[in-house]
Amino acid sequence: MNSRSSFLRFALLITVSIVCINARVIAQPKVPDDELKAYQLIDTAPDAAGKAKAAADAVKKYPKSPLRRTAALKISDQIHEITDGEQKVALVQQFKSIFDSPDEEEMIMPVLLVGYADAKKPDDAFSNGSTYLGQHPDSVGVLIELMFIATDQAKQKNGKFVAQGEQFGTHGAELIEANKKPASMDDATWKEYRDLLPRVYQSLGILGMVKGDNAAIQARMTRASELDPKDPLNFLFLATAINNDYQQAAKKYQGMPDGADREAQLKKVFALLDRLIDADAHFLALSDGNAQLANVRQQEMQYLETNYKFRHEGKTEGMQQLIDKYKAAPAKPKDPFAIP
């Protein structure tokens, strides 16, 4: 089989960039009119400076108001939307001087990390994030954000943060899988992190590709495909890792003397090849019609055909049926006479 080394480059080009949970729907609790007006001044302030002053005044006057968290969430989301990294970092620091509870700090930390990344200061992101995790090791938002930053840096050919990103992302995934929601996080935000889990595993798999860890890649891409069975990239990256193992197993087999051990090795080679064929068929089925993946599809089809023929006495009968098996079933037309 031909080498698939170019897939790592492809993976780093298309992988997800930094993610930060935002745009939350926030319920408005009932409070006395004076308290409500104090916090409403934050929304009606004409600029960032005015909002900061209104927030500082409201928090100082009503520090235990149930509207405080609502205001903090809203402002943190607004800061996240700012595209200038330096400005984002400055506003986060201002936010922290007003909203200074531990829960509020955990809320804004992922935004700070994104700000450093946007400002092209990944070292500052990891320095601040690592320091925070030293005291709050289960902060899911910080763990996941640092993992995405590490992946984004790897995409830019900077592998400095791969080991840390892998460590943080693995722990973050474990917490999400175990449904260990931070006490300070609302249910809606936690659901967004749970929905993000397939991308977390895919990103971890890509970090594994940078390290050349085939076992980790396969485990993570398999889990990603279980969580999101419609994403073709999971199967593309899975095929890459299986192919690496297949190539090594085939090379070992070729160098072995005849005997029981060589026969056992051949069975291992065929098992890997069958897994590779299945992963390629999955990818081709799910990527059908995807213009971005057109060139890769063409290459993968060649790989699949070569391997399929090798396993089926030079024939391709059944290959298309294997691909079709993994295509999503078309939606059934509605019966106009069905009783609702």
Protein backbone atom coordinates (compact mmCIF):
# COMPACT_ATOMS: atom_id res chain seq x y z
CA MET A 1 0.00 0.00 0.00
CA ASN A 2 1.10 3.57 -0.67
CA SER A 3 2.17 5.80 2.17
CA ARG A 4 -0.44 8.03 3.77
CA SER A 5 1.99 10.43 5.43
CA SER A 6 0.28 13.35 3.71
CA PHE A 7 -2.83 12.69 5.82
CA LEU A 8 -1.19 14.20 8.90
CA ARG A 9 -0.68 17.44 7.01
CA PHE A 10 -4.27 17.25 5.79
CA ALA A 11 -5.53 16.61 9.32
CA LEU A 12 -3.73 19.64 10.69
CA LEU A 13 -5.11 21.83 7.91
CA ILE A 14 -8.75 20.98 8.51
CA THR A 15 -8.90 20.36 12.23
CA VAL A 16 -11.12 22.50 14.40
CA SER A 17 -9.65 25.66 15.84
CA ILE A 18 -10.23 27.20 19.24
CA VAL A 19 -13.67 26.78 20.71
CA CYS A 20 -15.32 28.66 23.52
CA ILE A 21 -18.83 28.02 24.76
CA ASN A 22 -20.88 31.18 24.49
CA ALA A 23 -24.21 32.74 23.54
CA ARG A 24 -26.07 31.21 26.47
CA VAL A 25 -29.76 31.70 27.04
CA ILE A 26 -30.08 33.22 30.50
CA ALA A 27 -33.22 33.30 32.62
CA GLN A 28 -34.01 36.58 34.36
CA PRO A 29 -34.82 36.23 38.10
CA LYS A 30 -37.27 38.57 39.82
CA VAL A 31 -35.72 41.26 42.04
CA PRO A 32 -36.74 44.63 43.53
CA ASP A 33 -37.02 47.49 41.02
CA ASP A 34 -33.98 49.44 42.27
CA GLU A 35 -31.80 46.35 42.02
CA LEU A 36 -33.17 45.55 38.57
CA LYS A 37 -32.52 49.08 37.33
CA ALA A 38 -28.93 49.00 38.60
CA TYR A 39 -28.19 45.89 36.58
CA GLN A 40 -30.17 47.08 33.55
CA LEU A 41 -27.81 50.06 33.32
CA ILE A 42 -25.14 47.58 32.19
CA ASP A 43 -27.18 46.68 29.11
CA THR A 44 -28.09 50.26 28.27
CA ALA A 45 -24.59 51.68 28.65
CA PRO A 46 -23.38 53.01 25.26
CA ASP A 47 -19.85 51.58 25.28
CA ALA A 48 -17.48 49.16 27.03
CA ALA A 49 -16.31 51.76 29.52
CA GLY A 50 -19.87 52.60 30.45
CA LYS A 51 -20.78 48.94 30.85
CA ALA A 52 -17.76 48.37 33.08
CA LYS A 53 -18.70 51.30 35.32
CA ALA A 54 -22.35 50.22 35.49
CA ALA A 55 -21.30 46.66 36.32
CA ALA A 56 -18.89 47.81 39.02
CA ASP A 57 -21.58 50.03 40.57
CA ALA A 58 -24.23 47.30 40.47
CA VAL A 59 -21.96 44.63 41.95
CA LYS A 60 -20.76 47.01 44.67
CA LYS A 61 -24.30 48.00 45.64
CA TYR A 62 -25.91 44.58 45.26
CA PRO A 63 -23.10 42.03 45.56
CA LYS A 64 -25.41 39.11 46.36
CA SER A 65 -28.02 39.89 43.72
CA PRO A 66 -29.27 36.90 41.67
CA LEU A 67 -28.79 39.20 38.66
CA ARG A 68 -25.04 39.25 39.24
CA ARG A 69 -24.45 35.88 37.58
CA THR A 70 -26.74 36.82 34.70
CA ALA A 71 -24.74 39.99 34.11
CA ALA A 72 -21.43 38.17 34.36
CA LEU A 73 -22.52 35.53 31.84
CA LYS A 74 -23.76 38.15 29.42
CA ILE A 75 -20.61 40.25 29.64
CA SER A 76 -18.31 37.23 29.31
CA ASP A 77 -20.17 36.23 26.15
CA GLN A 78 -19.81 39.76 24.77
CA ILE A 79 -16.09 39.76 25.48
CA HIS A 80 -15.73 36.42 23.73
CA GLU A 81 -17.27 37.90 20.57
CA ILE A 82 -14.49 40.53 20.31
CA THR A 83 -12.07 39.53 17.57
CA ASP A 84 -9.04 41.55 18.67
CA GLY A 85 -7.03 39.35 21.01
CA GLU A 86 -5.27 42.13 22.93
CA GLN A 87 -8.55 43.94 23.53
CA LYS A 88 -10.17 40.70 24.63
CA VAL A 89 -7.43 40.06 27.19
CA ALA A 90 -7.70 43.62 28.54
CA LEU A 91 -11.47 43.34 28.92
CA VAL A 92 -11.13 39.99 30.68
CA GLN A 93 -8.76 41.58 33.21
CA GLN A 94 -11.29 44.36 33.75
CA PHE A 95 -14.05 41.76 34.13
CA LYS A 96 -12.03 39.94 36.80
CA SER A 97 -11.60 43.15 38.80
CA ILE A 98 -15.40 43.48 39.00
CA PHE A 99 -16.61 39.90 39.06
CA ASP A 100 -14.13 38.41 41.50
CA SER A 101 -15.81 35.29 42.88
CA PRO A 102 -14.27 31.85 42.16
CA ASP A 103 -17.26 30.86 40.02
CA GLU A 104 -16.93 34.02 37.95
CA GLU A 105 -13.22 33.46 37.47
CA GLU A 106 -13.90 29.95 36.16
CA MET A 107 -16.51 31.42 33.85
CA ILE A 108 -14.11 33.92 32.25
CA MET A 109 -10.91 31.84 32.17
CA PRO A 110 -11.65 30.08 28.84
CA VAL A 111 -12.31 33.49 27.27
CA LEU A 112 -8.95 34.75 28.57
CA LEU A 113 -7.21 31.75 26.99
CA VAL A 114 -8.90 32.39 23.65
CA GLY A 115 -7.83 36.03 23.92
CA TYR A 116 -4.18 35.05 24.34
CA ALA A 117 -4.46 32.63 21.45
CA ASP A 118 -6.10 35.27 19.25
CA ALA A 119 -3.29 37.65 20.18
CA LYS A 120 -0.79 34.97 19.06
CA LYS A 121 0.45 34.45 22.59
CA PRO A 122 -0.02 30.71 23.16
CA ASP A 123 2.70 30.68 25.82
CA ASP A 124 0.66 33.11 27.90
CA ALA A 125 -2.44 30.97 27.36
CA PHE A 126 -0.69 27.85 28.65
CA SER A 127 1.05 29.69 31.47
CA ASN A 128 -2.18 31.20 32.78
CA GLY A 129 -4.21 28.08 32.09
CA SER A 130 -1.70 25.75 33.76
CA THR A 131 -1.48 27.99 36.83
CA TYR A 132 -5.27 28.01 37.11
CA LEU A 133 -5.46 24.23 36.71
CA GLY A 134 -2.91 23.85 39.50
CA GLN A 135 -5.62 25.07 41.88
CA HIS A 136 -8.67 23.91 39.89
CA PRO A 137 -7.63 20.66 38.16
CA ASP A 138 -11.17 19.75 37.09
CA SER A 139 -12.03 22.99 35.30
CA VAL A 140 -13.49 21.48 32.15
CA GLY A 141 -13.63 24.73 30.20
CA VAL A 142 -9.95 25.46 30.76
CA LEU A 143 -8.89 21.87 30.05
CA ILE A 144 -10.76 21.70 26.76
CA GLU A 145 -9.74 25.18 25.63
CA LEU A 146 -6.05 24.45 26.15
CA MET A 147 -6.40 21.23 24.18
CA PHE A 148 -7.94 23.08 21.24
CA ILE A 149 -5.21 25.72 21.40
CA ALA A 150 -2.57 22.97 21.35
CA THR A 151 -4.22 21.44 18.28
CA ASP A 152 -4.45 24.81 16.58
CA GLN A 153 -0.76 25.42 17.27
CA ALA A 154 0.10 21.99 15.86
CA LYS A 155 -1.82 22.99 12.74
CA GLN A 156 0.60 25.93 12.52
CA LYS A 157 3.53 23.47 12.83
CA ASN A 158 4.20 24.36 16.45
CA GLY A 159 4.30 21.12 18.42
CA LYS A 160 5.44 22.73 21.67
CA PHE A 161 2.10 22.23 23.41
CA VAL A 162 1.15 18.78 22.10
CA ALA A 163 1.99 16.88 25.30
CA GLN A 164 0.18 19.36 27.56
CA GLY A 165 -2.77 19.60 25.19
CA GLU A 166 -3.08 15.83 25.15
CA GLN A 167 -2.88 15.64 28.94
CA PHE A 168 -5.45 18.37 29.51
CA GLY A 169 -7.80 17.18 26.79
CA THR A 170 -7.73 13.60 28.03
CA HIS A 171 -8.69 14.69 31.54
CA GLY A 172 -11.38 17.00 30.19
CA ALA A 173 -12.86 14.18 28.12
CA GLU A 174 -12.85 11.89 31.16
CA LEU A 175 -14.77 14.46 33.20
CA ILE A 176 -17.34 14.97 30.45
CA GLU A 177 -17.74 11.23 29.91
CA ALA A 178 -18.30 10.77 33.65
CA ASN A 179 -20.84 13.64 33.57
CA LYS A 180 -18.94 15.50 36.29
CA LYS A 181 -20.44 18.92 35.75
CA PRO A 182 -18.65 21.72 37.64
CA ALA A 183 -20.85 23.08 40.41
CA SER A 184 -20.57 26.59 38.99
CA MET A 185 -21.70 25.60 35.47
CA ASP A 186 -25.34 25.77 34.39
CA ASP A 187 -27.02 22.80 32.71
CA ALA A 188 -27.26 24.47 29.29
CA THR A 189 -23.52 25.18 29.15
CA TRP A 190 -22.72 21.66 30.36
CA LYS A 191 -24.86 20.22 27.56
CA GLU A 192 -22.81 22.22 25.05
CA TYR A 193 -19.62 20.66 26.40
CA ARG A 194 -21.16 17.20 26.21
CA ASP A 195 -22.22 17.88 22.61
CA LEU A 196 -18.63 18.95 21.90
CA LEU A 197 -17.22 15.59 23.00
CA PRO A 198 -16.87 14.07 19.48
CA ARG A 199 -14.70 17.04 18.46
CA VAL A 200 -12.69 16.67 21.65
CA TYR A 201 -11.82 13.07 20.79
CA GLN A 202 -11.10 13.97 17.18
CA SER A 203 -8.75 16.73 18.31
CA LEU A 204 -7.06 14.34 20.75
CA GLY A 205 -6.66 11.88 17.89
CA ILE A 206 -4.94 14.52 15.80
CA LEU A 207 -2.56 15.27 18.66
CA GLY A 208 -1.87 11.54 18.70
CA MET A 209 -1.05 11.75 15.00
CA VAL A 210 1.53 14.43 15.70
CA LYS A 211 3.14 12.08 18.24
CA GLY A 212 2.82 9.05 15.98
CA ASP A 213 0.86 7.12 18.61
CA ASN A 214 -1.20 4.71 16.49
CA ALA A 215 -2.90 3.03 19.45
CA ALA A 216 -4.07 6.37 20.85
CA ILE A 217 -5.25 7.56 17.43
CA GLN A 218 -7.34 4.44 16.90
CA ALA A 219 -8.88 4.53 20.36
CA ARG A 220 -9.76 8.22 20.12
CA MET A 221 -11.06 8.17 16.56
CA THR A 222 -13.10 5.08 17.34
CA ARG A 223 -14.70 6.88 20.27
CA ALA A 224 -15.25 9.99 18.16
CA SER A 225 -16.97 7.88 15.50
CA GLU A 226 -19.18 6.27 18.15
CA LEU A 227 -20.26 9.68 19.39
CA ASP A 228 -20.65 11.15 15.91
CA PRO A 229 -21.04 8.30 13.40
CA LYS A 230 -21.75 10.72 10.53
CA ASP A 231 -18.38 12.53 10.54
CA PRO A 232 -16.22 11.06 7.74
CA LEU A 233 -12.99 12.53 9.14
CA ASN A 234 -13.07 10.18 12.11
CA PHE A 235 -12.90 7.21 9.75
CA LEU A 236 -10.28 8.85 7.53
CA PHE A 237 -7.93 9.38 10.46
CA LEU A 238 -8.77 5.94 11.84
CA ALA A 239 -7.80 4.39 8.49
CA THR A 240 -4.49 6.25 8.58
CA ALA A 241 -3.56 4.76 11.96
CA ILE A 242 -4.72 1.25 11.03
CA ASN A 243 -2.68 1.50 7.83
CA ASN A 244 0.45 2.29 9.85
CA ASP A 245 -0.06 -0.84 11.94
CA TYR A 246 -0.84 -2.87 8.83
CA GLN A 247 2.34 -1.76 7.10
CA GLN A 248 4.44 -2.67 10.14
CA ALA A 249 2.73 -6.04 10.56
CA ALA A 250 3.16 -6.88 6.85
CA LYS A 251 6.84 -5.95 6.95
CA LYS A 252 7.36 -8.16 9.99
CA TYR A 253 5.57 -11.04 8.28
CA GLN A 254 7.74 -10.76 5.18
CA GLY A 255 10.89 -11.11 7.27
CA MET A 256 9.77 -14.16 9.25
CA PRO A 257 10.77 -17.76 8.47
CA ASP A 258 8.10 -20.32 7.59
CA GLY A 259 6.32 -21.82 10.54
CA ALA A 260 3.47 -21.39 13.00
CA ASP A 261 4.57 -17.93 14.09
CA ARG A 262 4.57 -16.70 10.50
CA GLU A 263 1.08 -18.11 9.95
CA ALA A 264 -0.15 -16.39 13.10
CA GLN A 265 1.40 -13.13 11.90
CA LEU A 266 -0.37 -13.49 8.55
CA LYS A 267 -3.72 -13.73 10.34
CA LYS A 268 -2.86 -10.51 12.16
CA VAL A 269 -1.98 -8.84 8.86
CA PHE A 270 -5.29 -9.89 7.30
CA ALA A 271 -7.26 -8.74 10.37
CA LEU A 272 -5.67 -5.30 10.14
CA LEU A 273 -6.30 -5.15 6.41
CA ASP A 274 -9.96 -6.01 6.92
CA ARG A 275 -10.26 -3.23 9.50
CA LEU A 276 -8.56 -0.84 7.08
CA ILE A 277 -10.93 -1.77 4.26
CA ASP A 278 -13.90 -1.23 6.57
CA ALA A 279 -12.66 2.19 7.74
CA ASP A 280 -12.02 3.32 4.16
CA ALA A 281 -15.47 2.16 3.08
CA HIS A 282 -16.97 4.09 5.99
CA PHE A 283 -15.11 7.24 4.98
CA LEU A 284 -16.11 6.98 1.32
CA ALA A 285 -19.75 6.42 2.22
CA LEU A 286 -19.97 9.36 4.60
CA SER A 287 -17.93 11.80 2.48
CA ASP A 288 -19.94 11.27 -0.70
CA GLY A 289 -20.73 14.71 -2.17
CA ASN A 290 -18.31 16.57 0.13
CA ALA A 291 -16.42 18.94 -2.19
CA GLN A 292 -13.74 19.69 0.40
CA LEU A 293 -12.82 16.01 0.54
CA ALA A 294 -13.03 15.31 -3.20
CA ASN A 295 -9.29 14.85 -3.76
CA VAL A 296 -8.87 12.72 -0.66
CA ARG A 297 -11.87 10.60 -1.70
CA GLN A 298 -10.22 9.87 -5.04
CA GLN A 299 -7.03 8.74 -3.32
CA GLU A 300 -8.94 6.70 -0.75
CA MET A 301 -10.95 4.96 -3.45
CA GLN A 302 -7.70 3.83 -5.04
CA TYR A 303 -6.43 2.53 -1.71
CA LEU A 304 -9.68 0.71 -1.03
CA GLU A 305 -9.80 -0.89 -4.47
CA THR A 306 -6.19 -2.10 -4.19
CA ASN A 307 -6.74 -3.61 -0.75
CA TYR A 308 -10.15 -5.04 -1.55
CA LYS A 309 -8.78 -6.82 -4.64
CA PHE A 310 -5.92 -8.21 -2.57
CA ARG A 311 -8.38 -9.72 -0.11
CA HIS A 312 -10.84 -10.96 -2.77
CA GLU A 313 -8.70 -12.70 -5.39
CA GLY A 314 -8.32 -9.62 -7.59
CA LYS A 315 -12.06 -8.92 -7.74
CA THR A 316 -14.08 -5.88 -6.72
CA GLU A 317 -17.47 -7.58 -6.49
CA GLY A 318 -19.14 -6.45 -3.29
CA MET A 319 -16.92 -3.41 -2.77
CA GLN A 320 -19.55 -0.85 -3.74
CA GLN A 321 -22.12 -2.70 -1.67
CA LEU A 322 -19.78 -2.41 1.32
CA ILE A 323 -19.57 1.36 0.80
CA ASP A 324 -23.32 1.66 0.32
CA LYS A 325 -23.92 -0.22 3.55
CA TYR A 326 -22.48 2.69 5.48
CA LYS A 327 -24.37 5.43 3.68
CA ALA A 328 -27.10 7.14 5.63
CA ALA A 329 -30.51 5.77 4.78
CA PRO A 330 -32.62 8.30 2.84
CA ALA A 331 -35.47 9.83 4.78
CA LYS A 332 -38.78 8.09 4.15
CA PRO A 333 -41.39 10.29 2.46
CA LYS A 334 -44.25 11.29 4.68
CA ASP A 335 -47.48 9.42 4.24
CA PRO A 336 -50.08 12.15 3.56
CA PHE A 337 -52.79 9.84 4.82
CA ALA A 338 -51.04 8.87 8.04
CA ILE A 339 -52.79 9.74 11.27
CA PRO A 340 -50.67 12.28 13.22
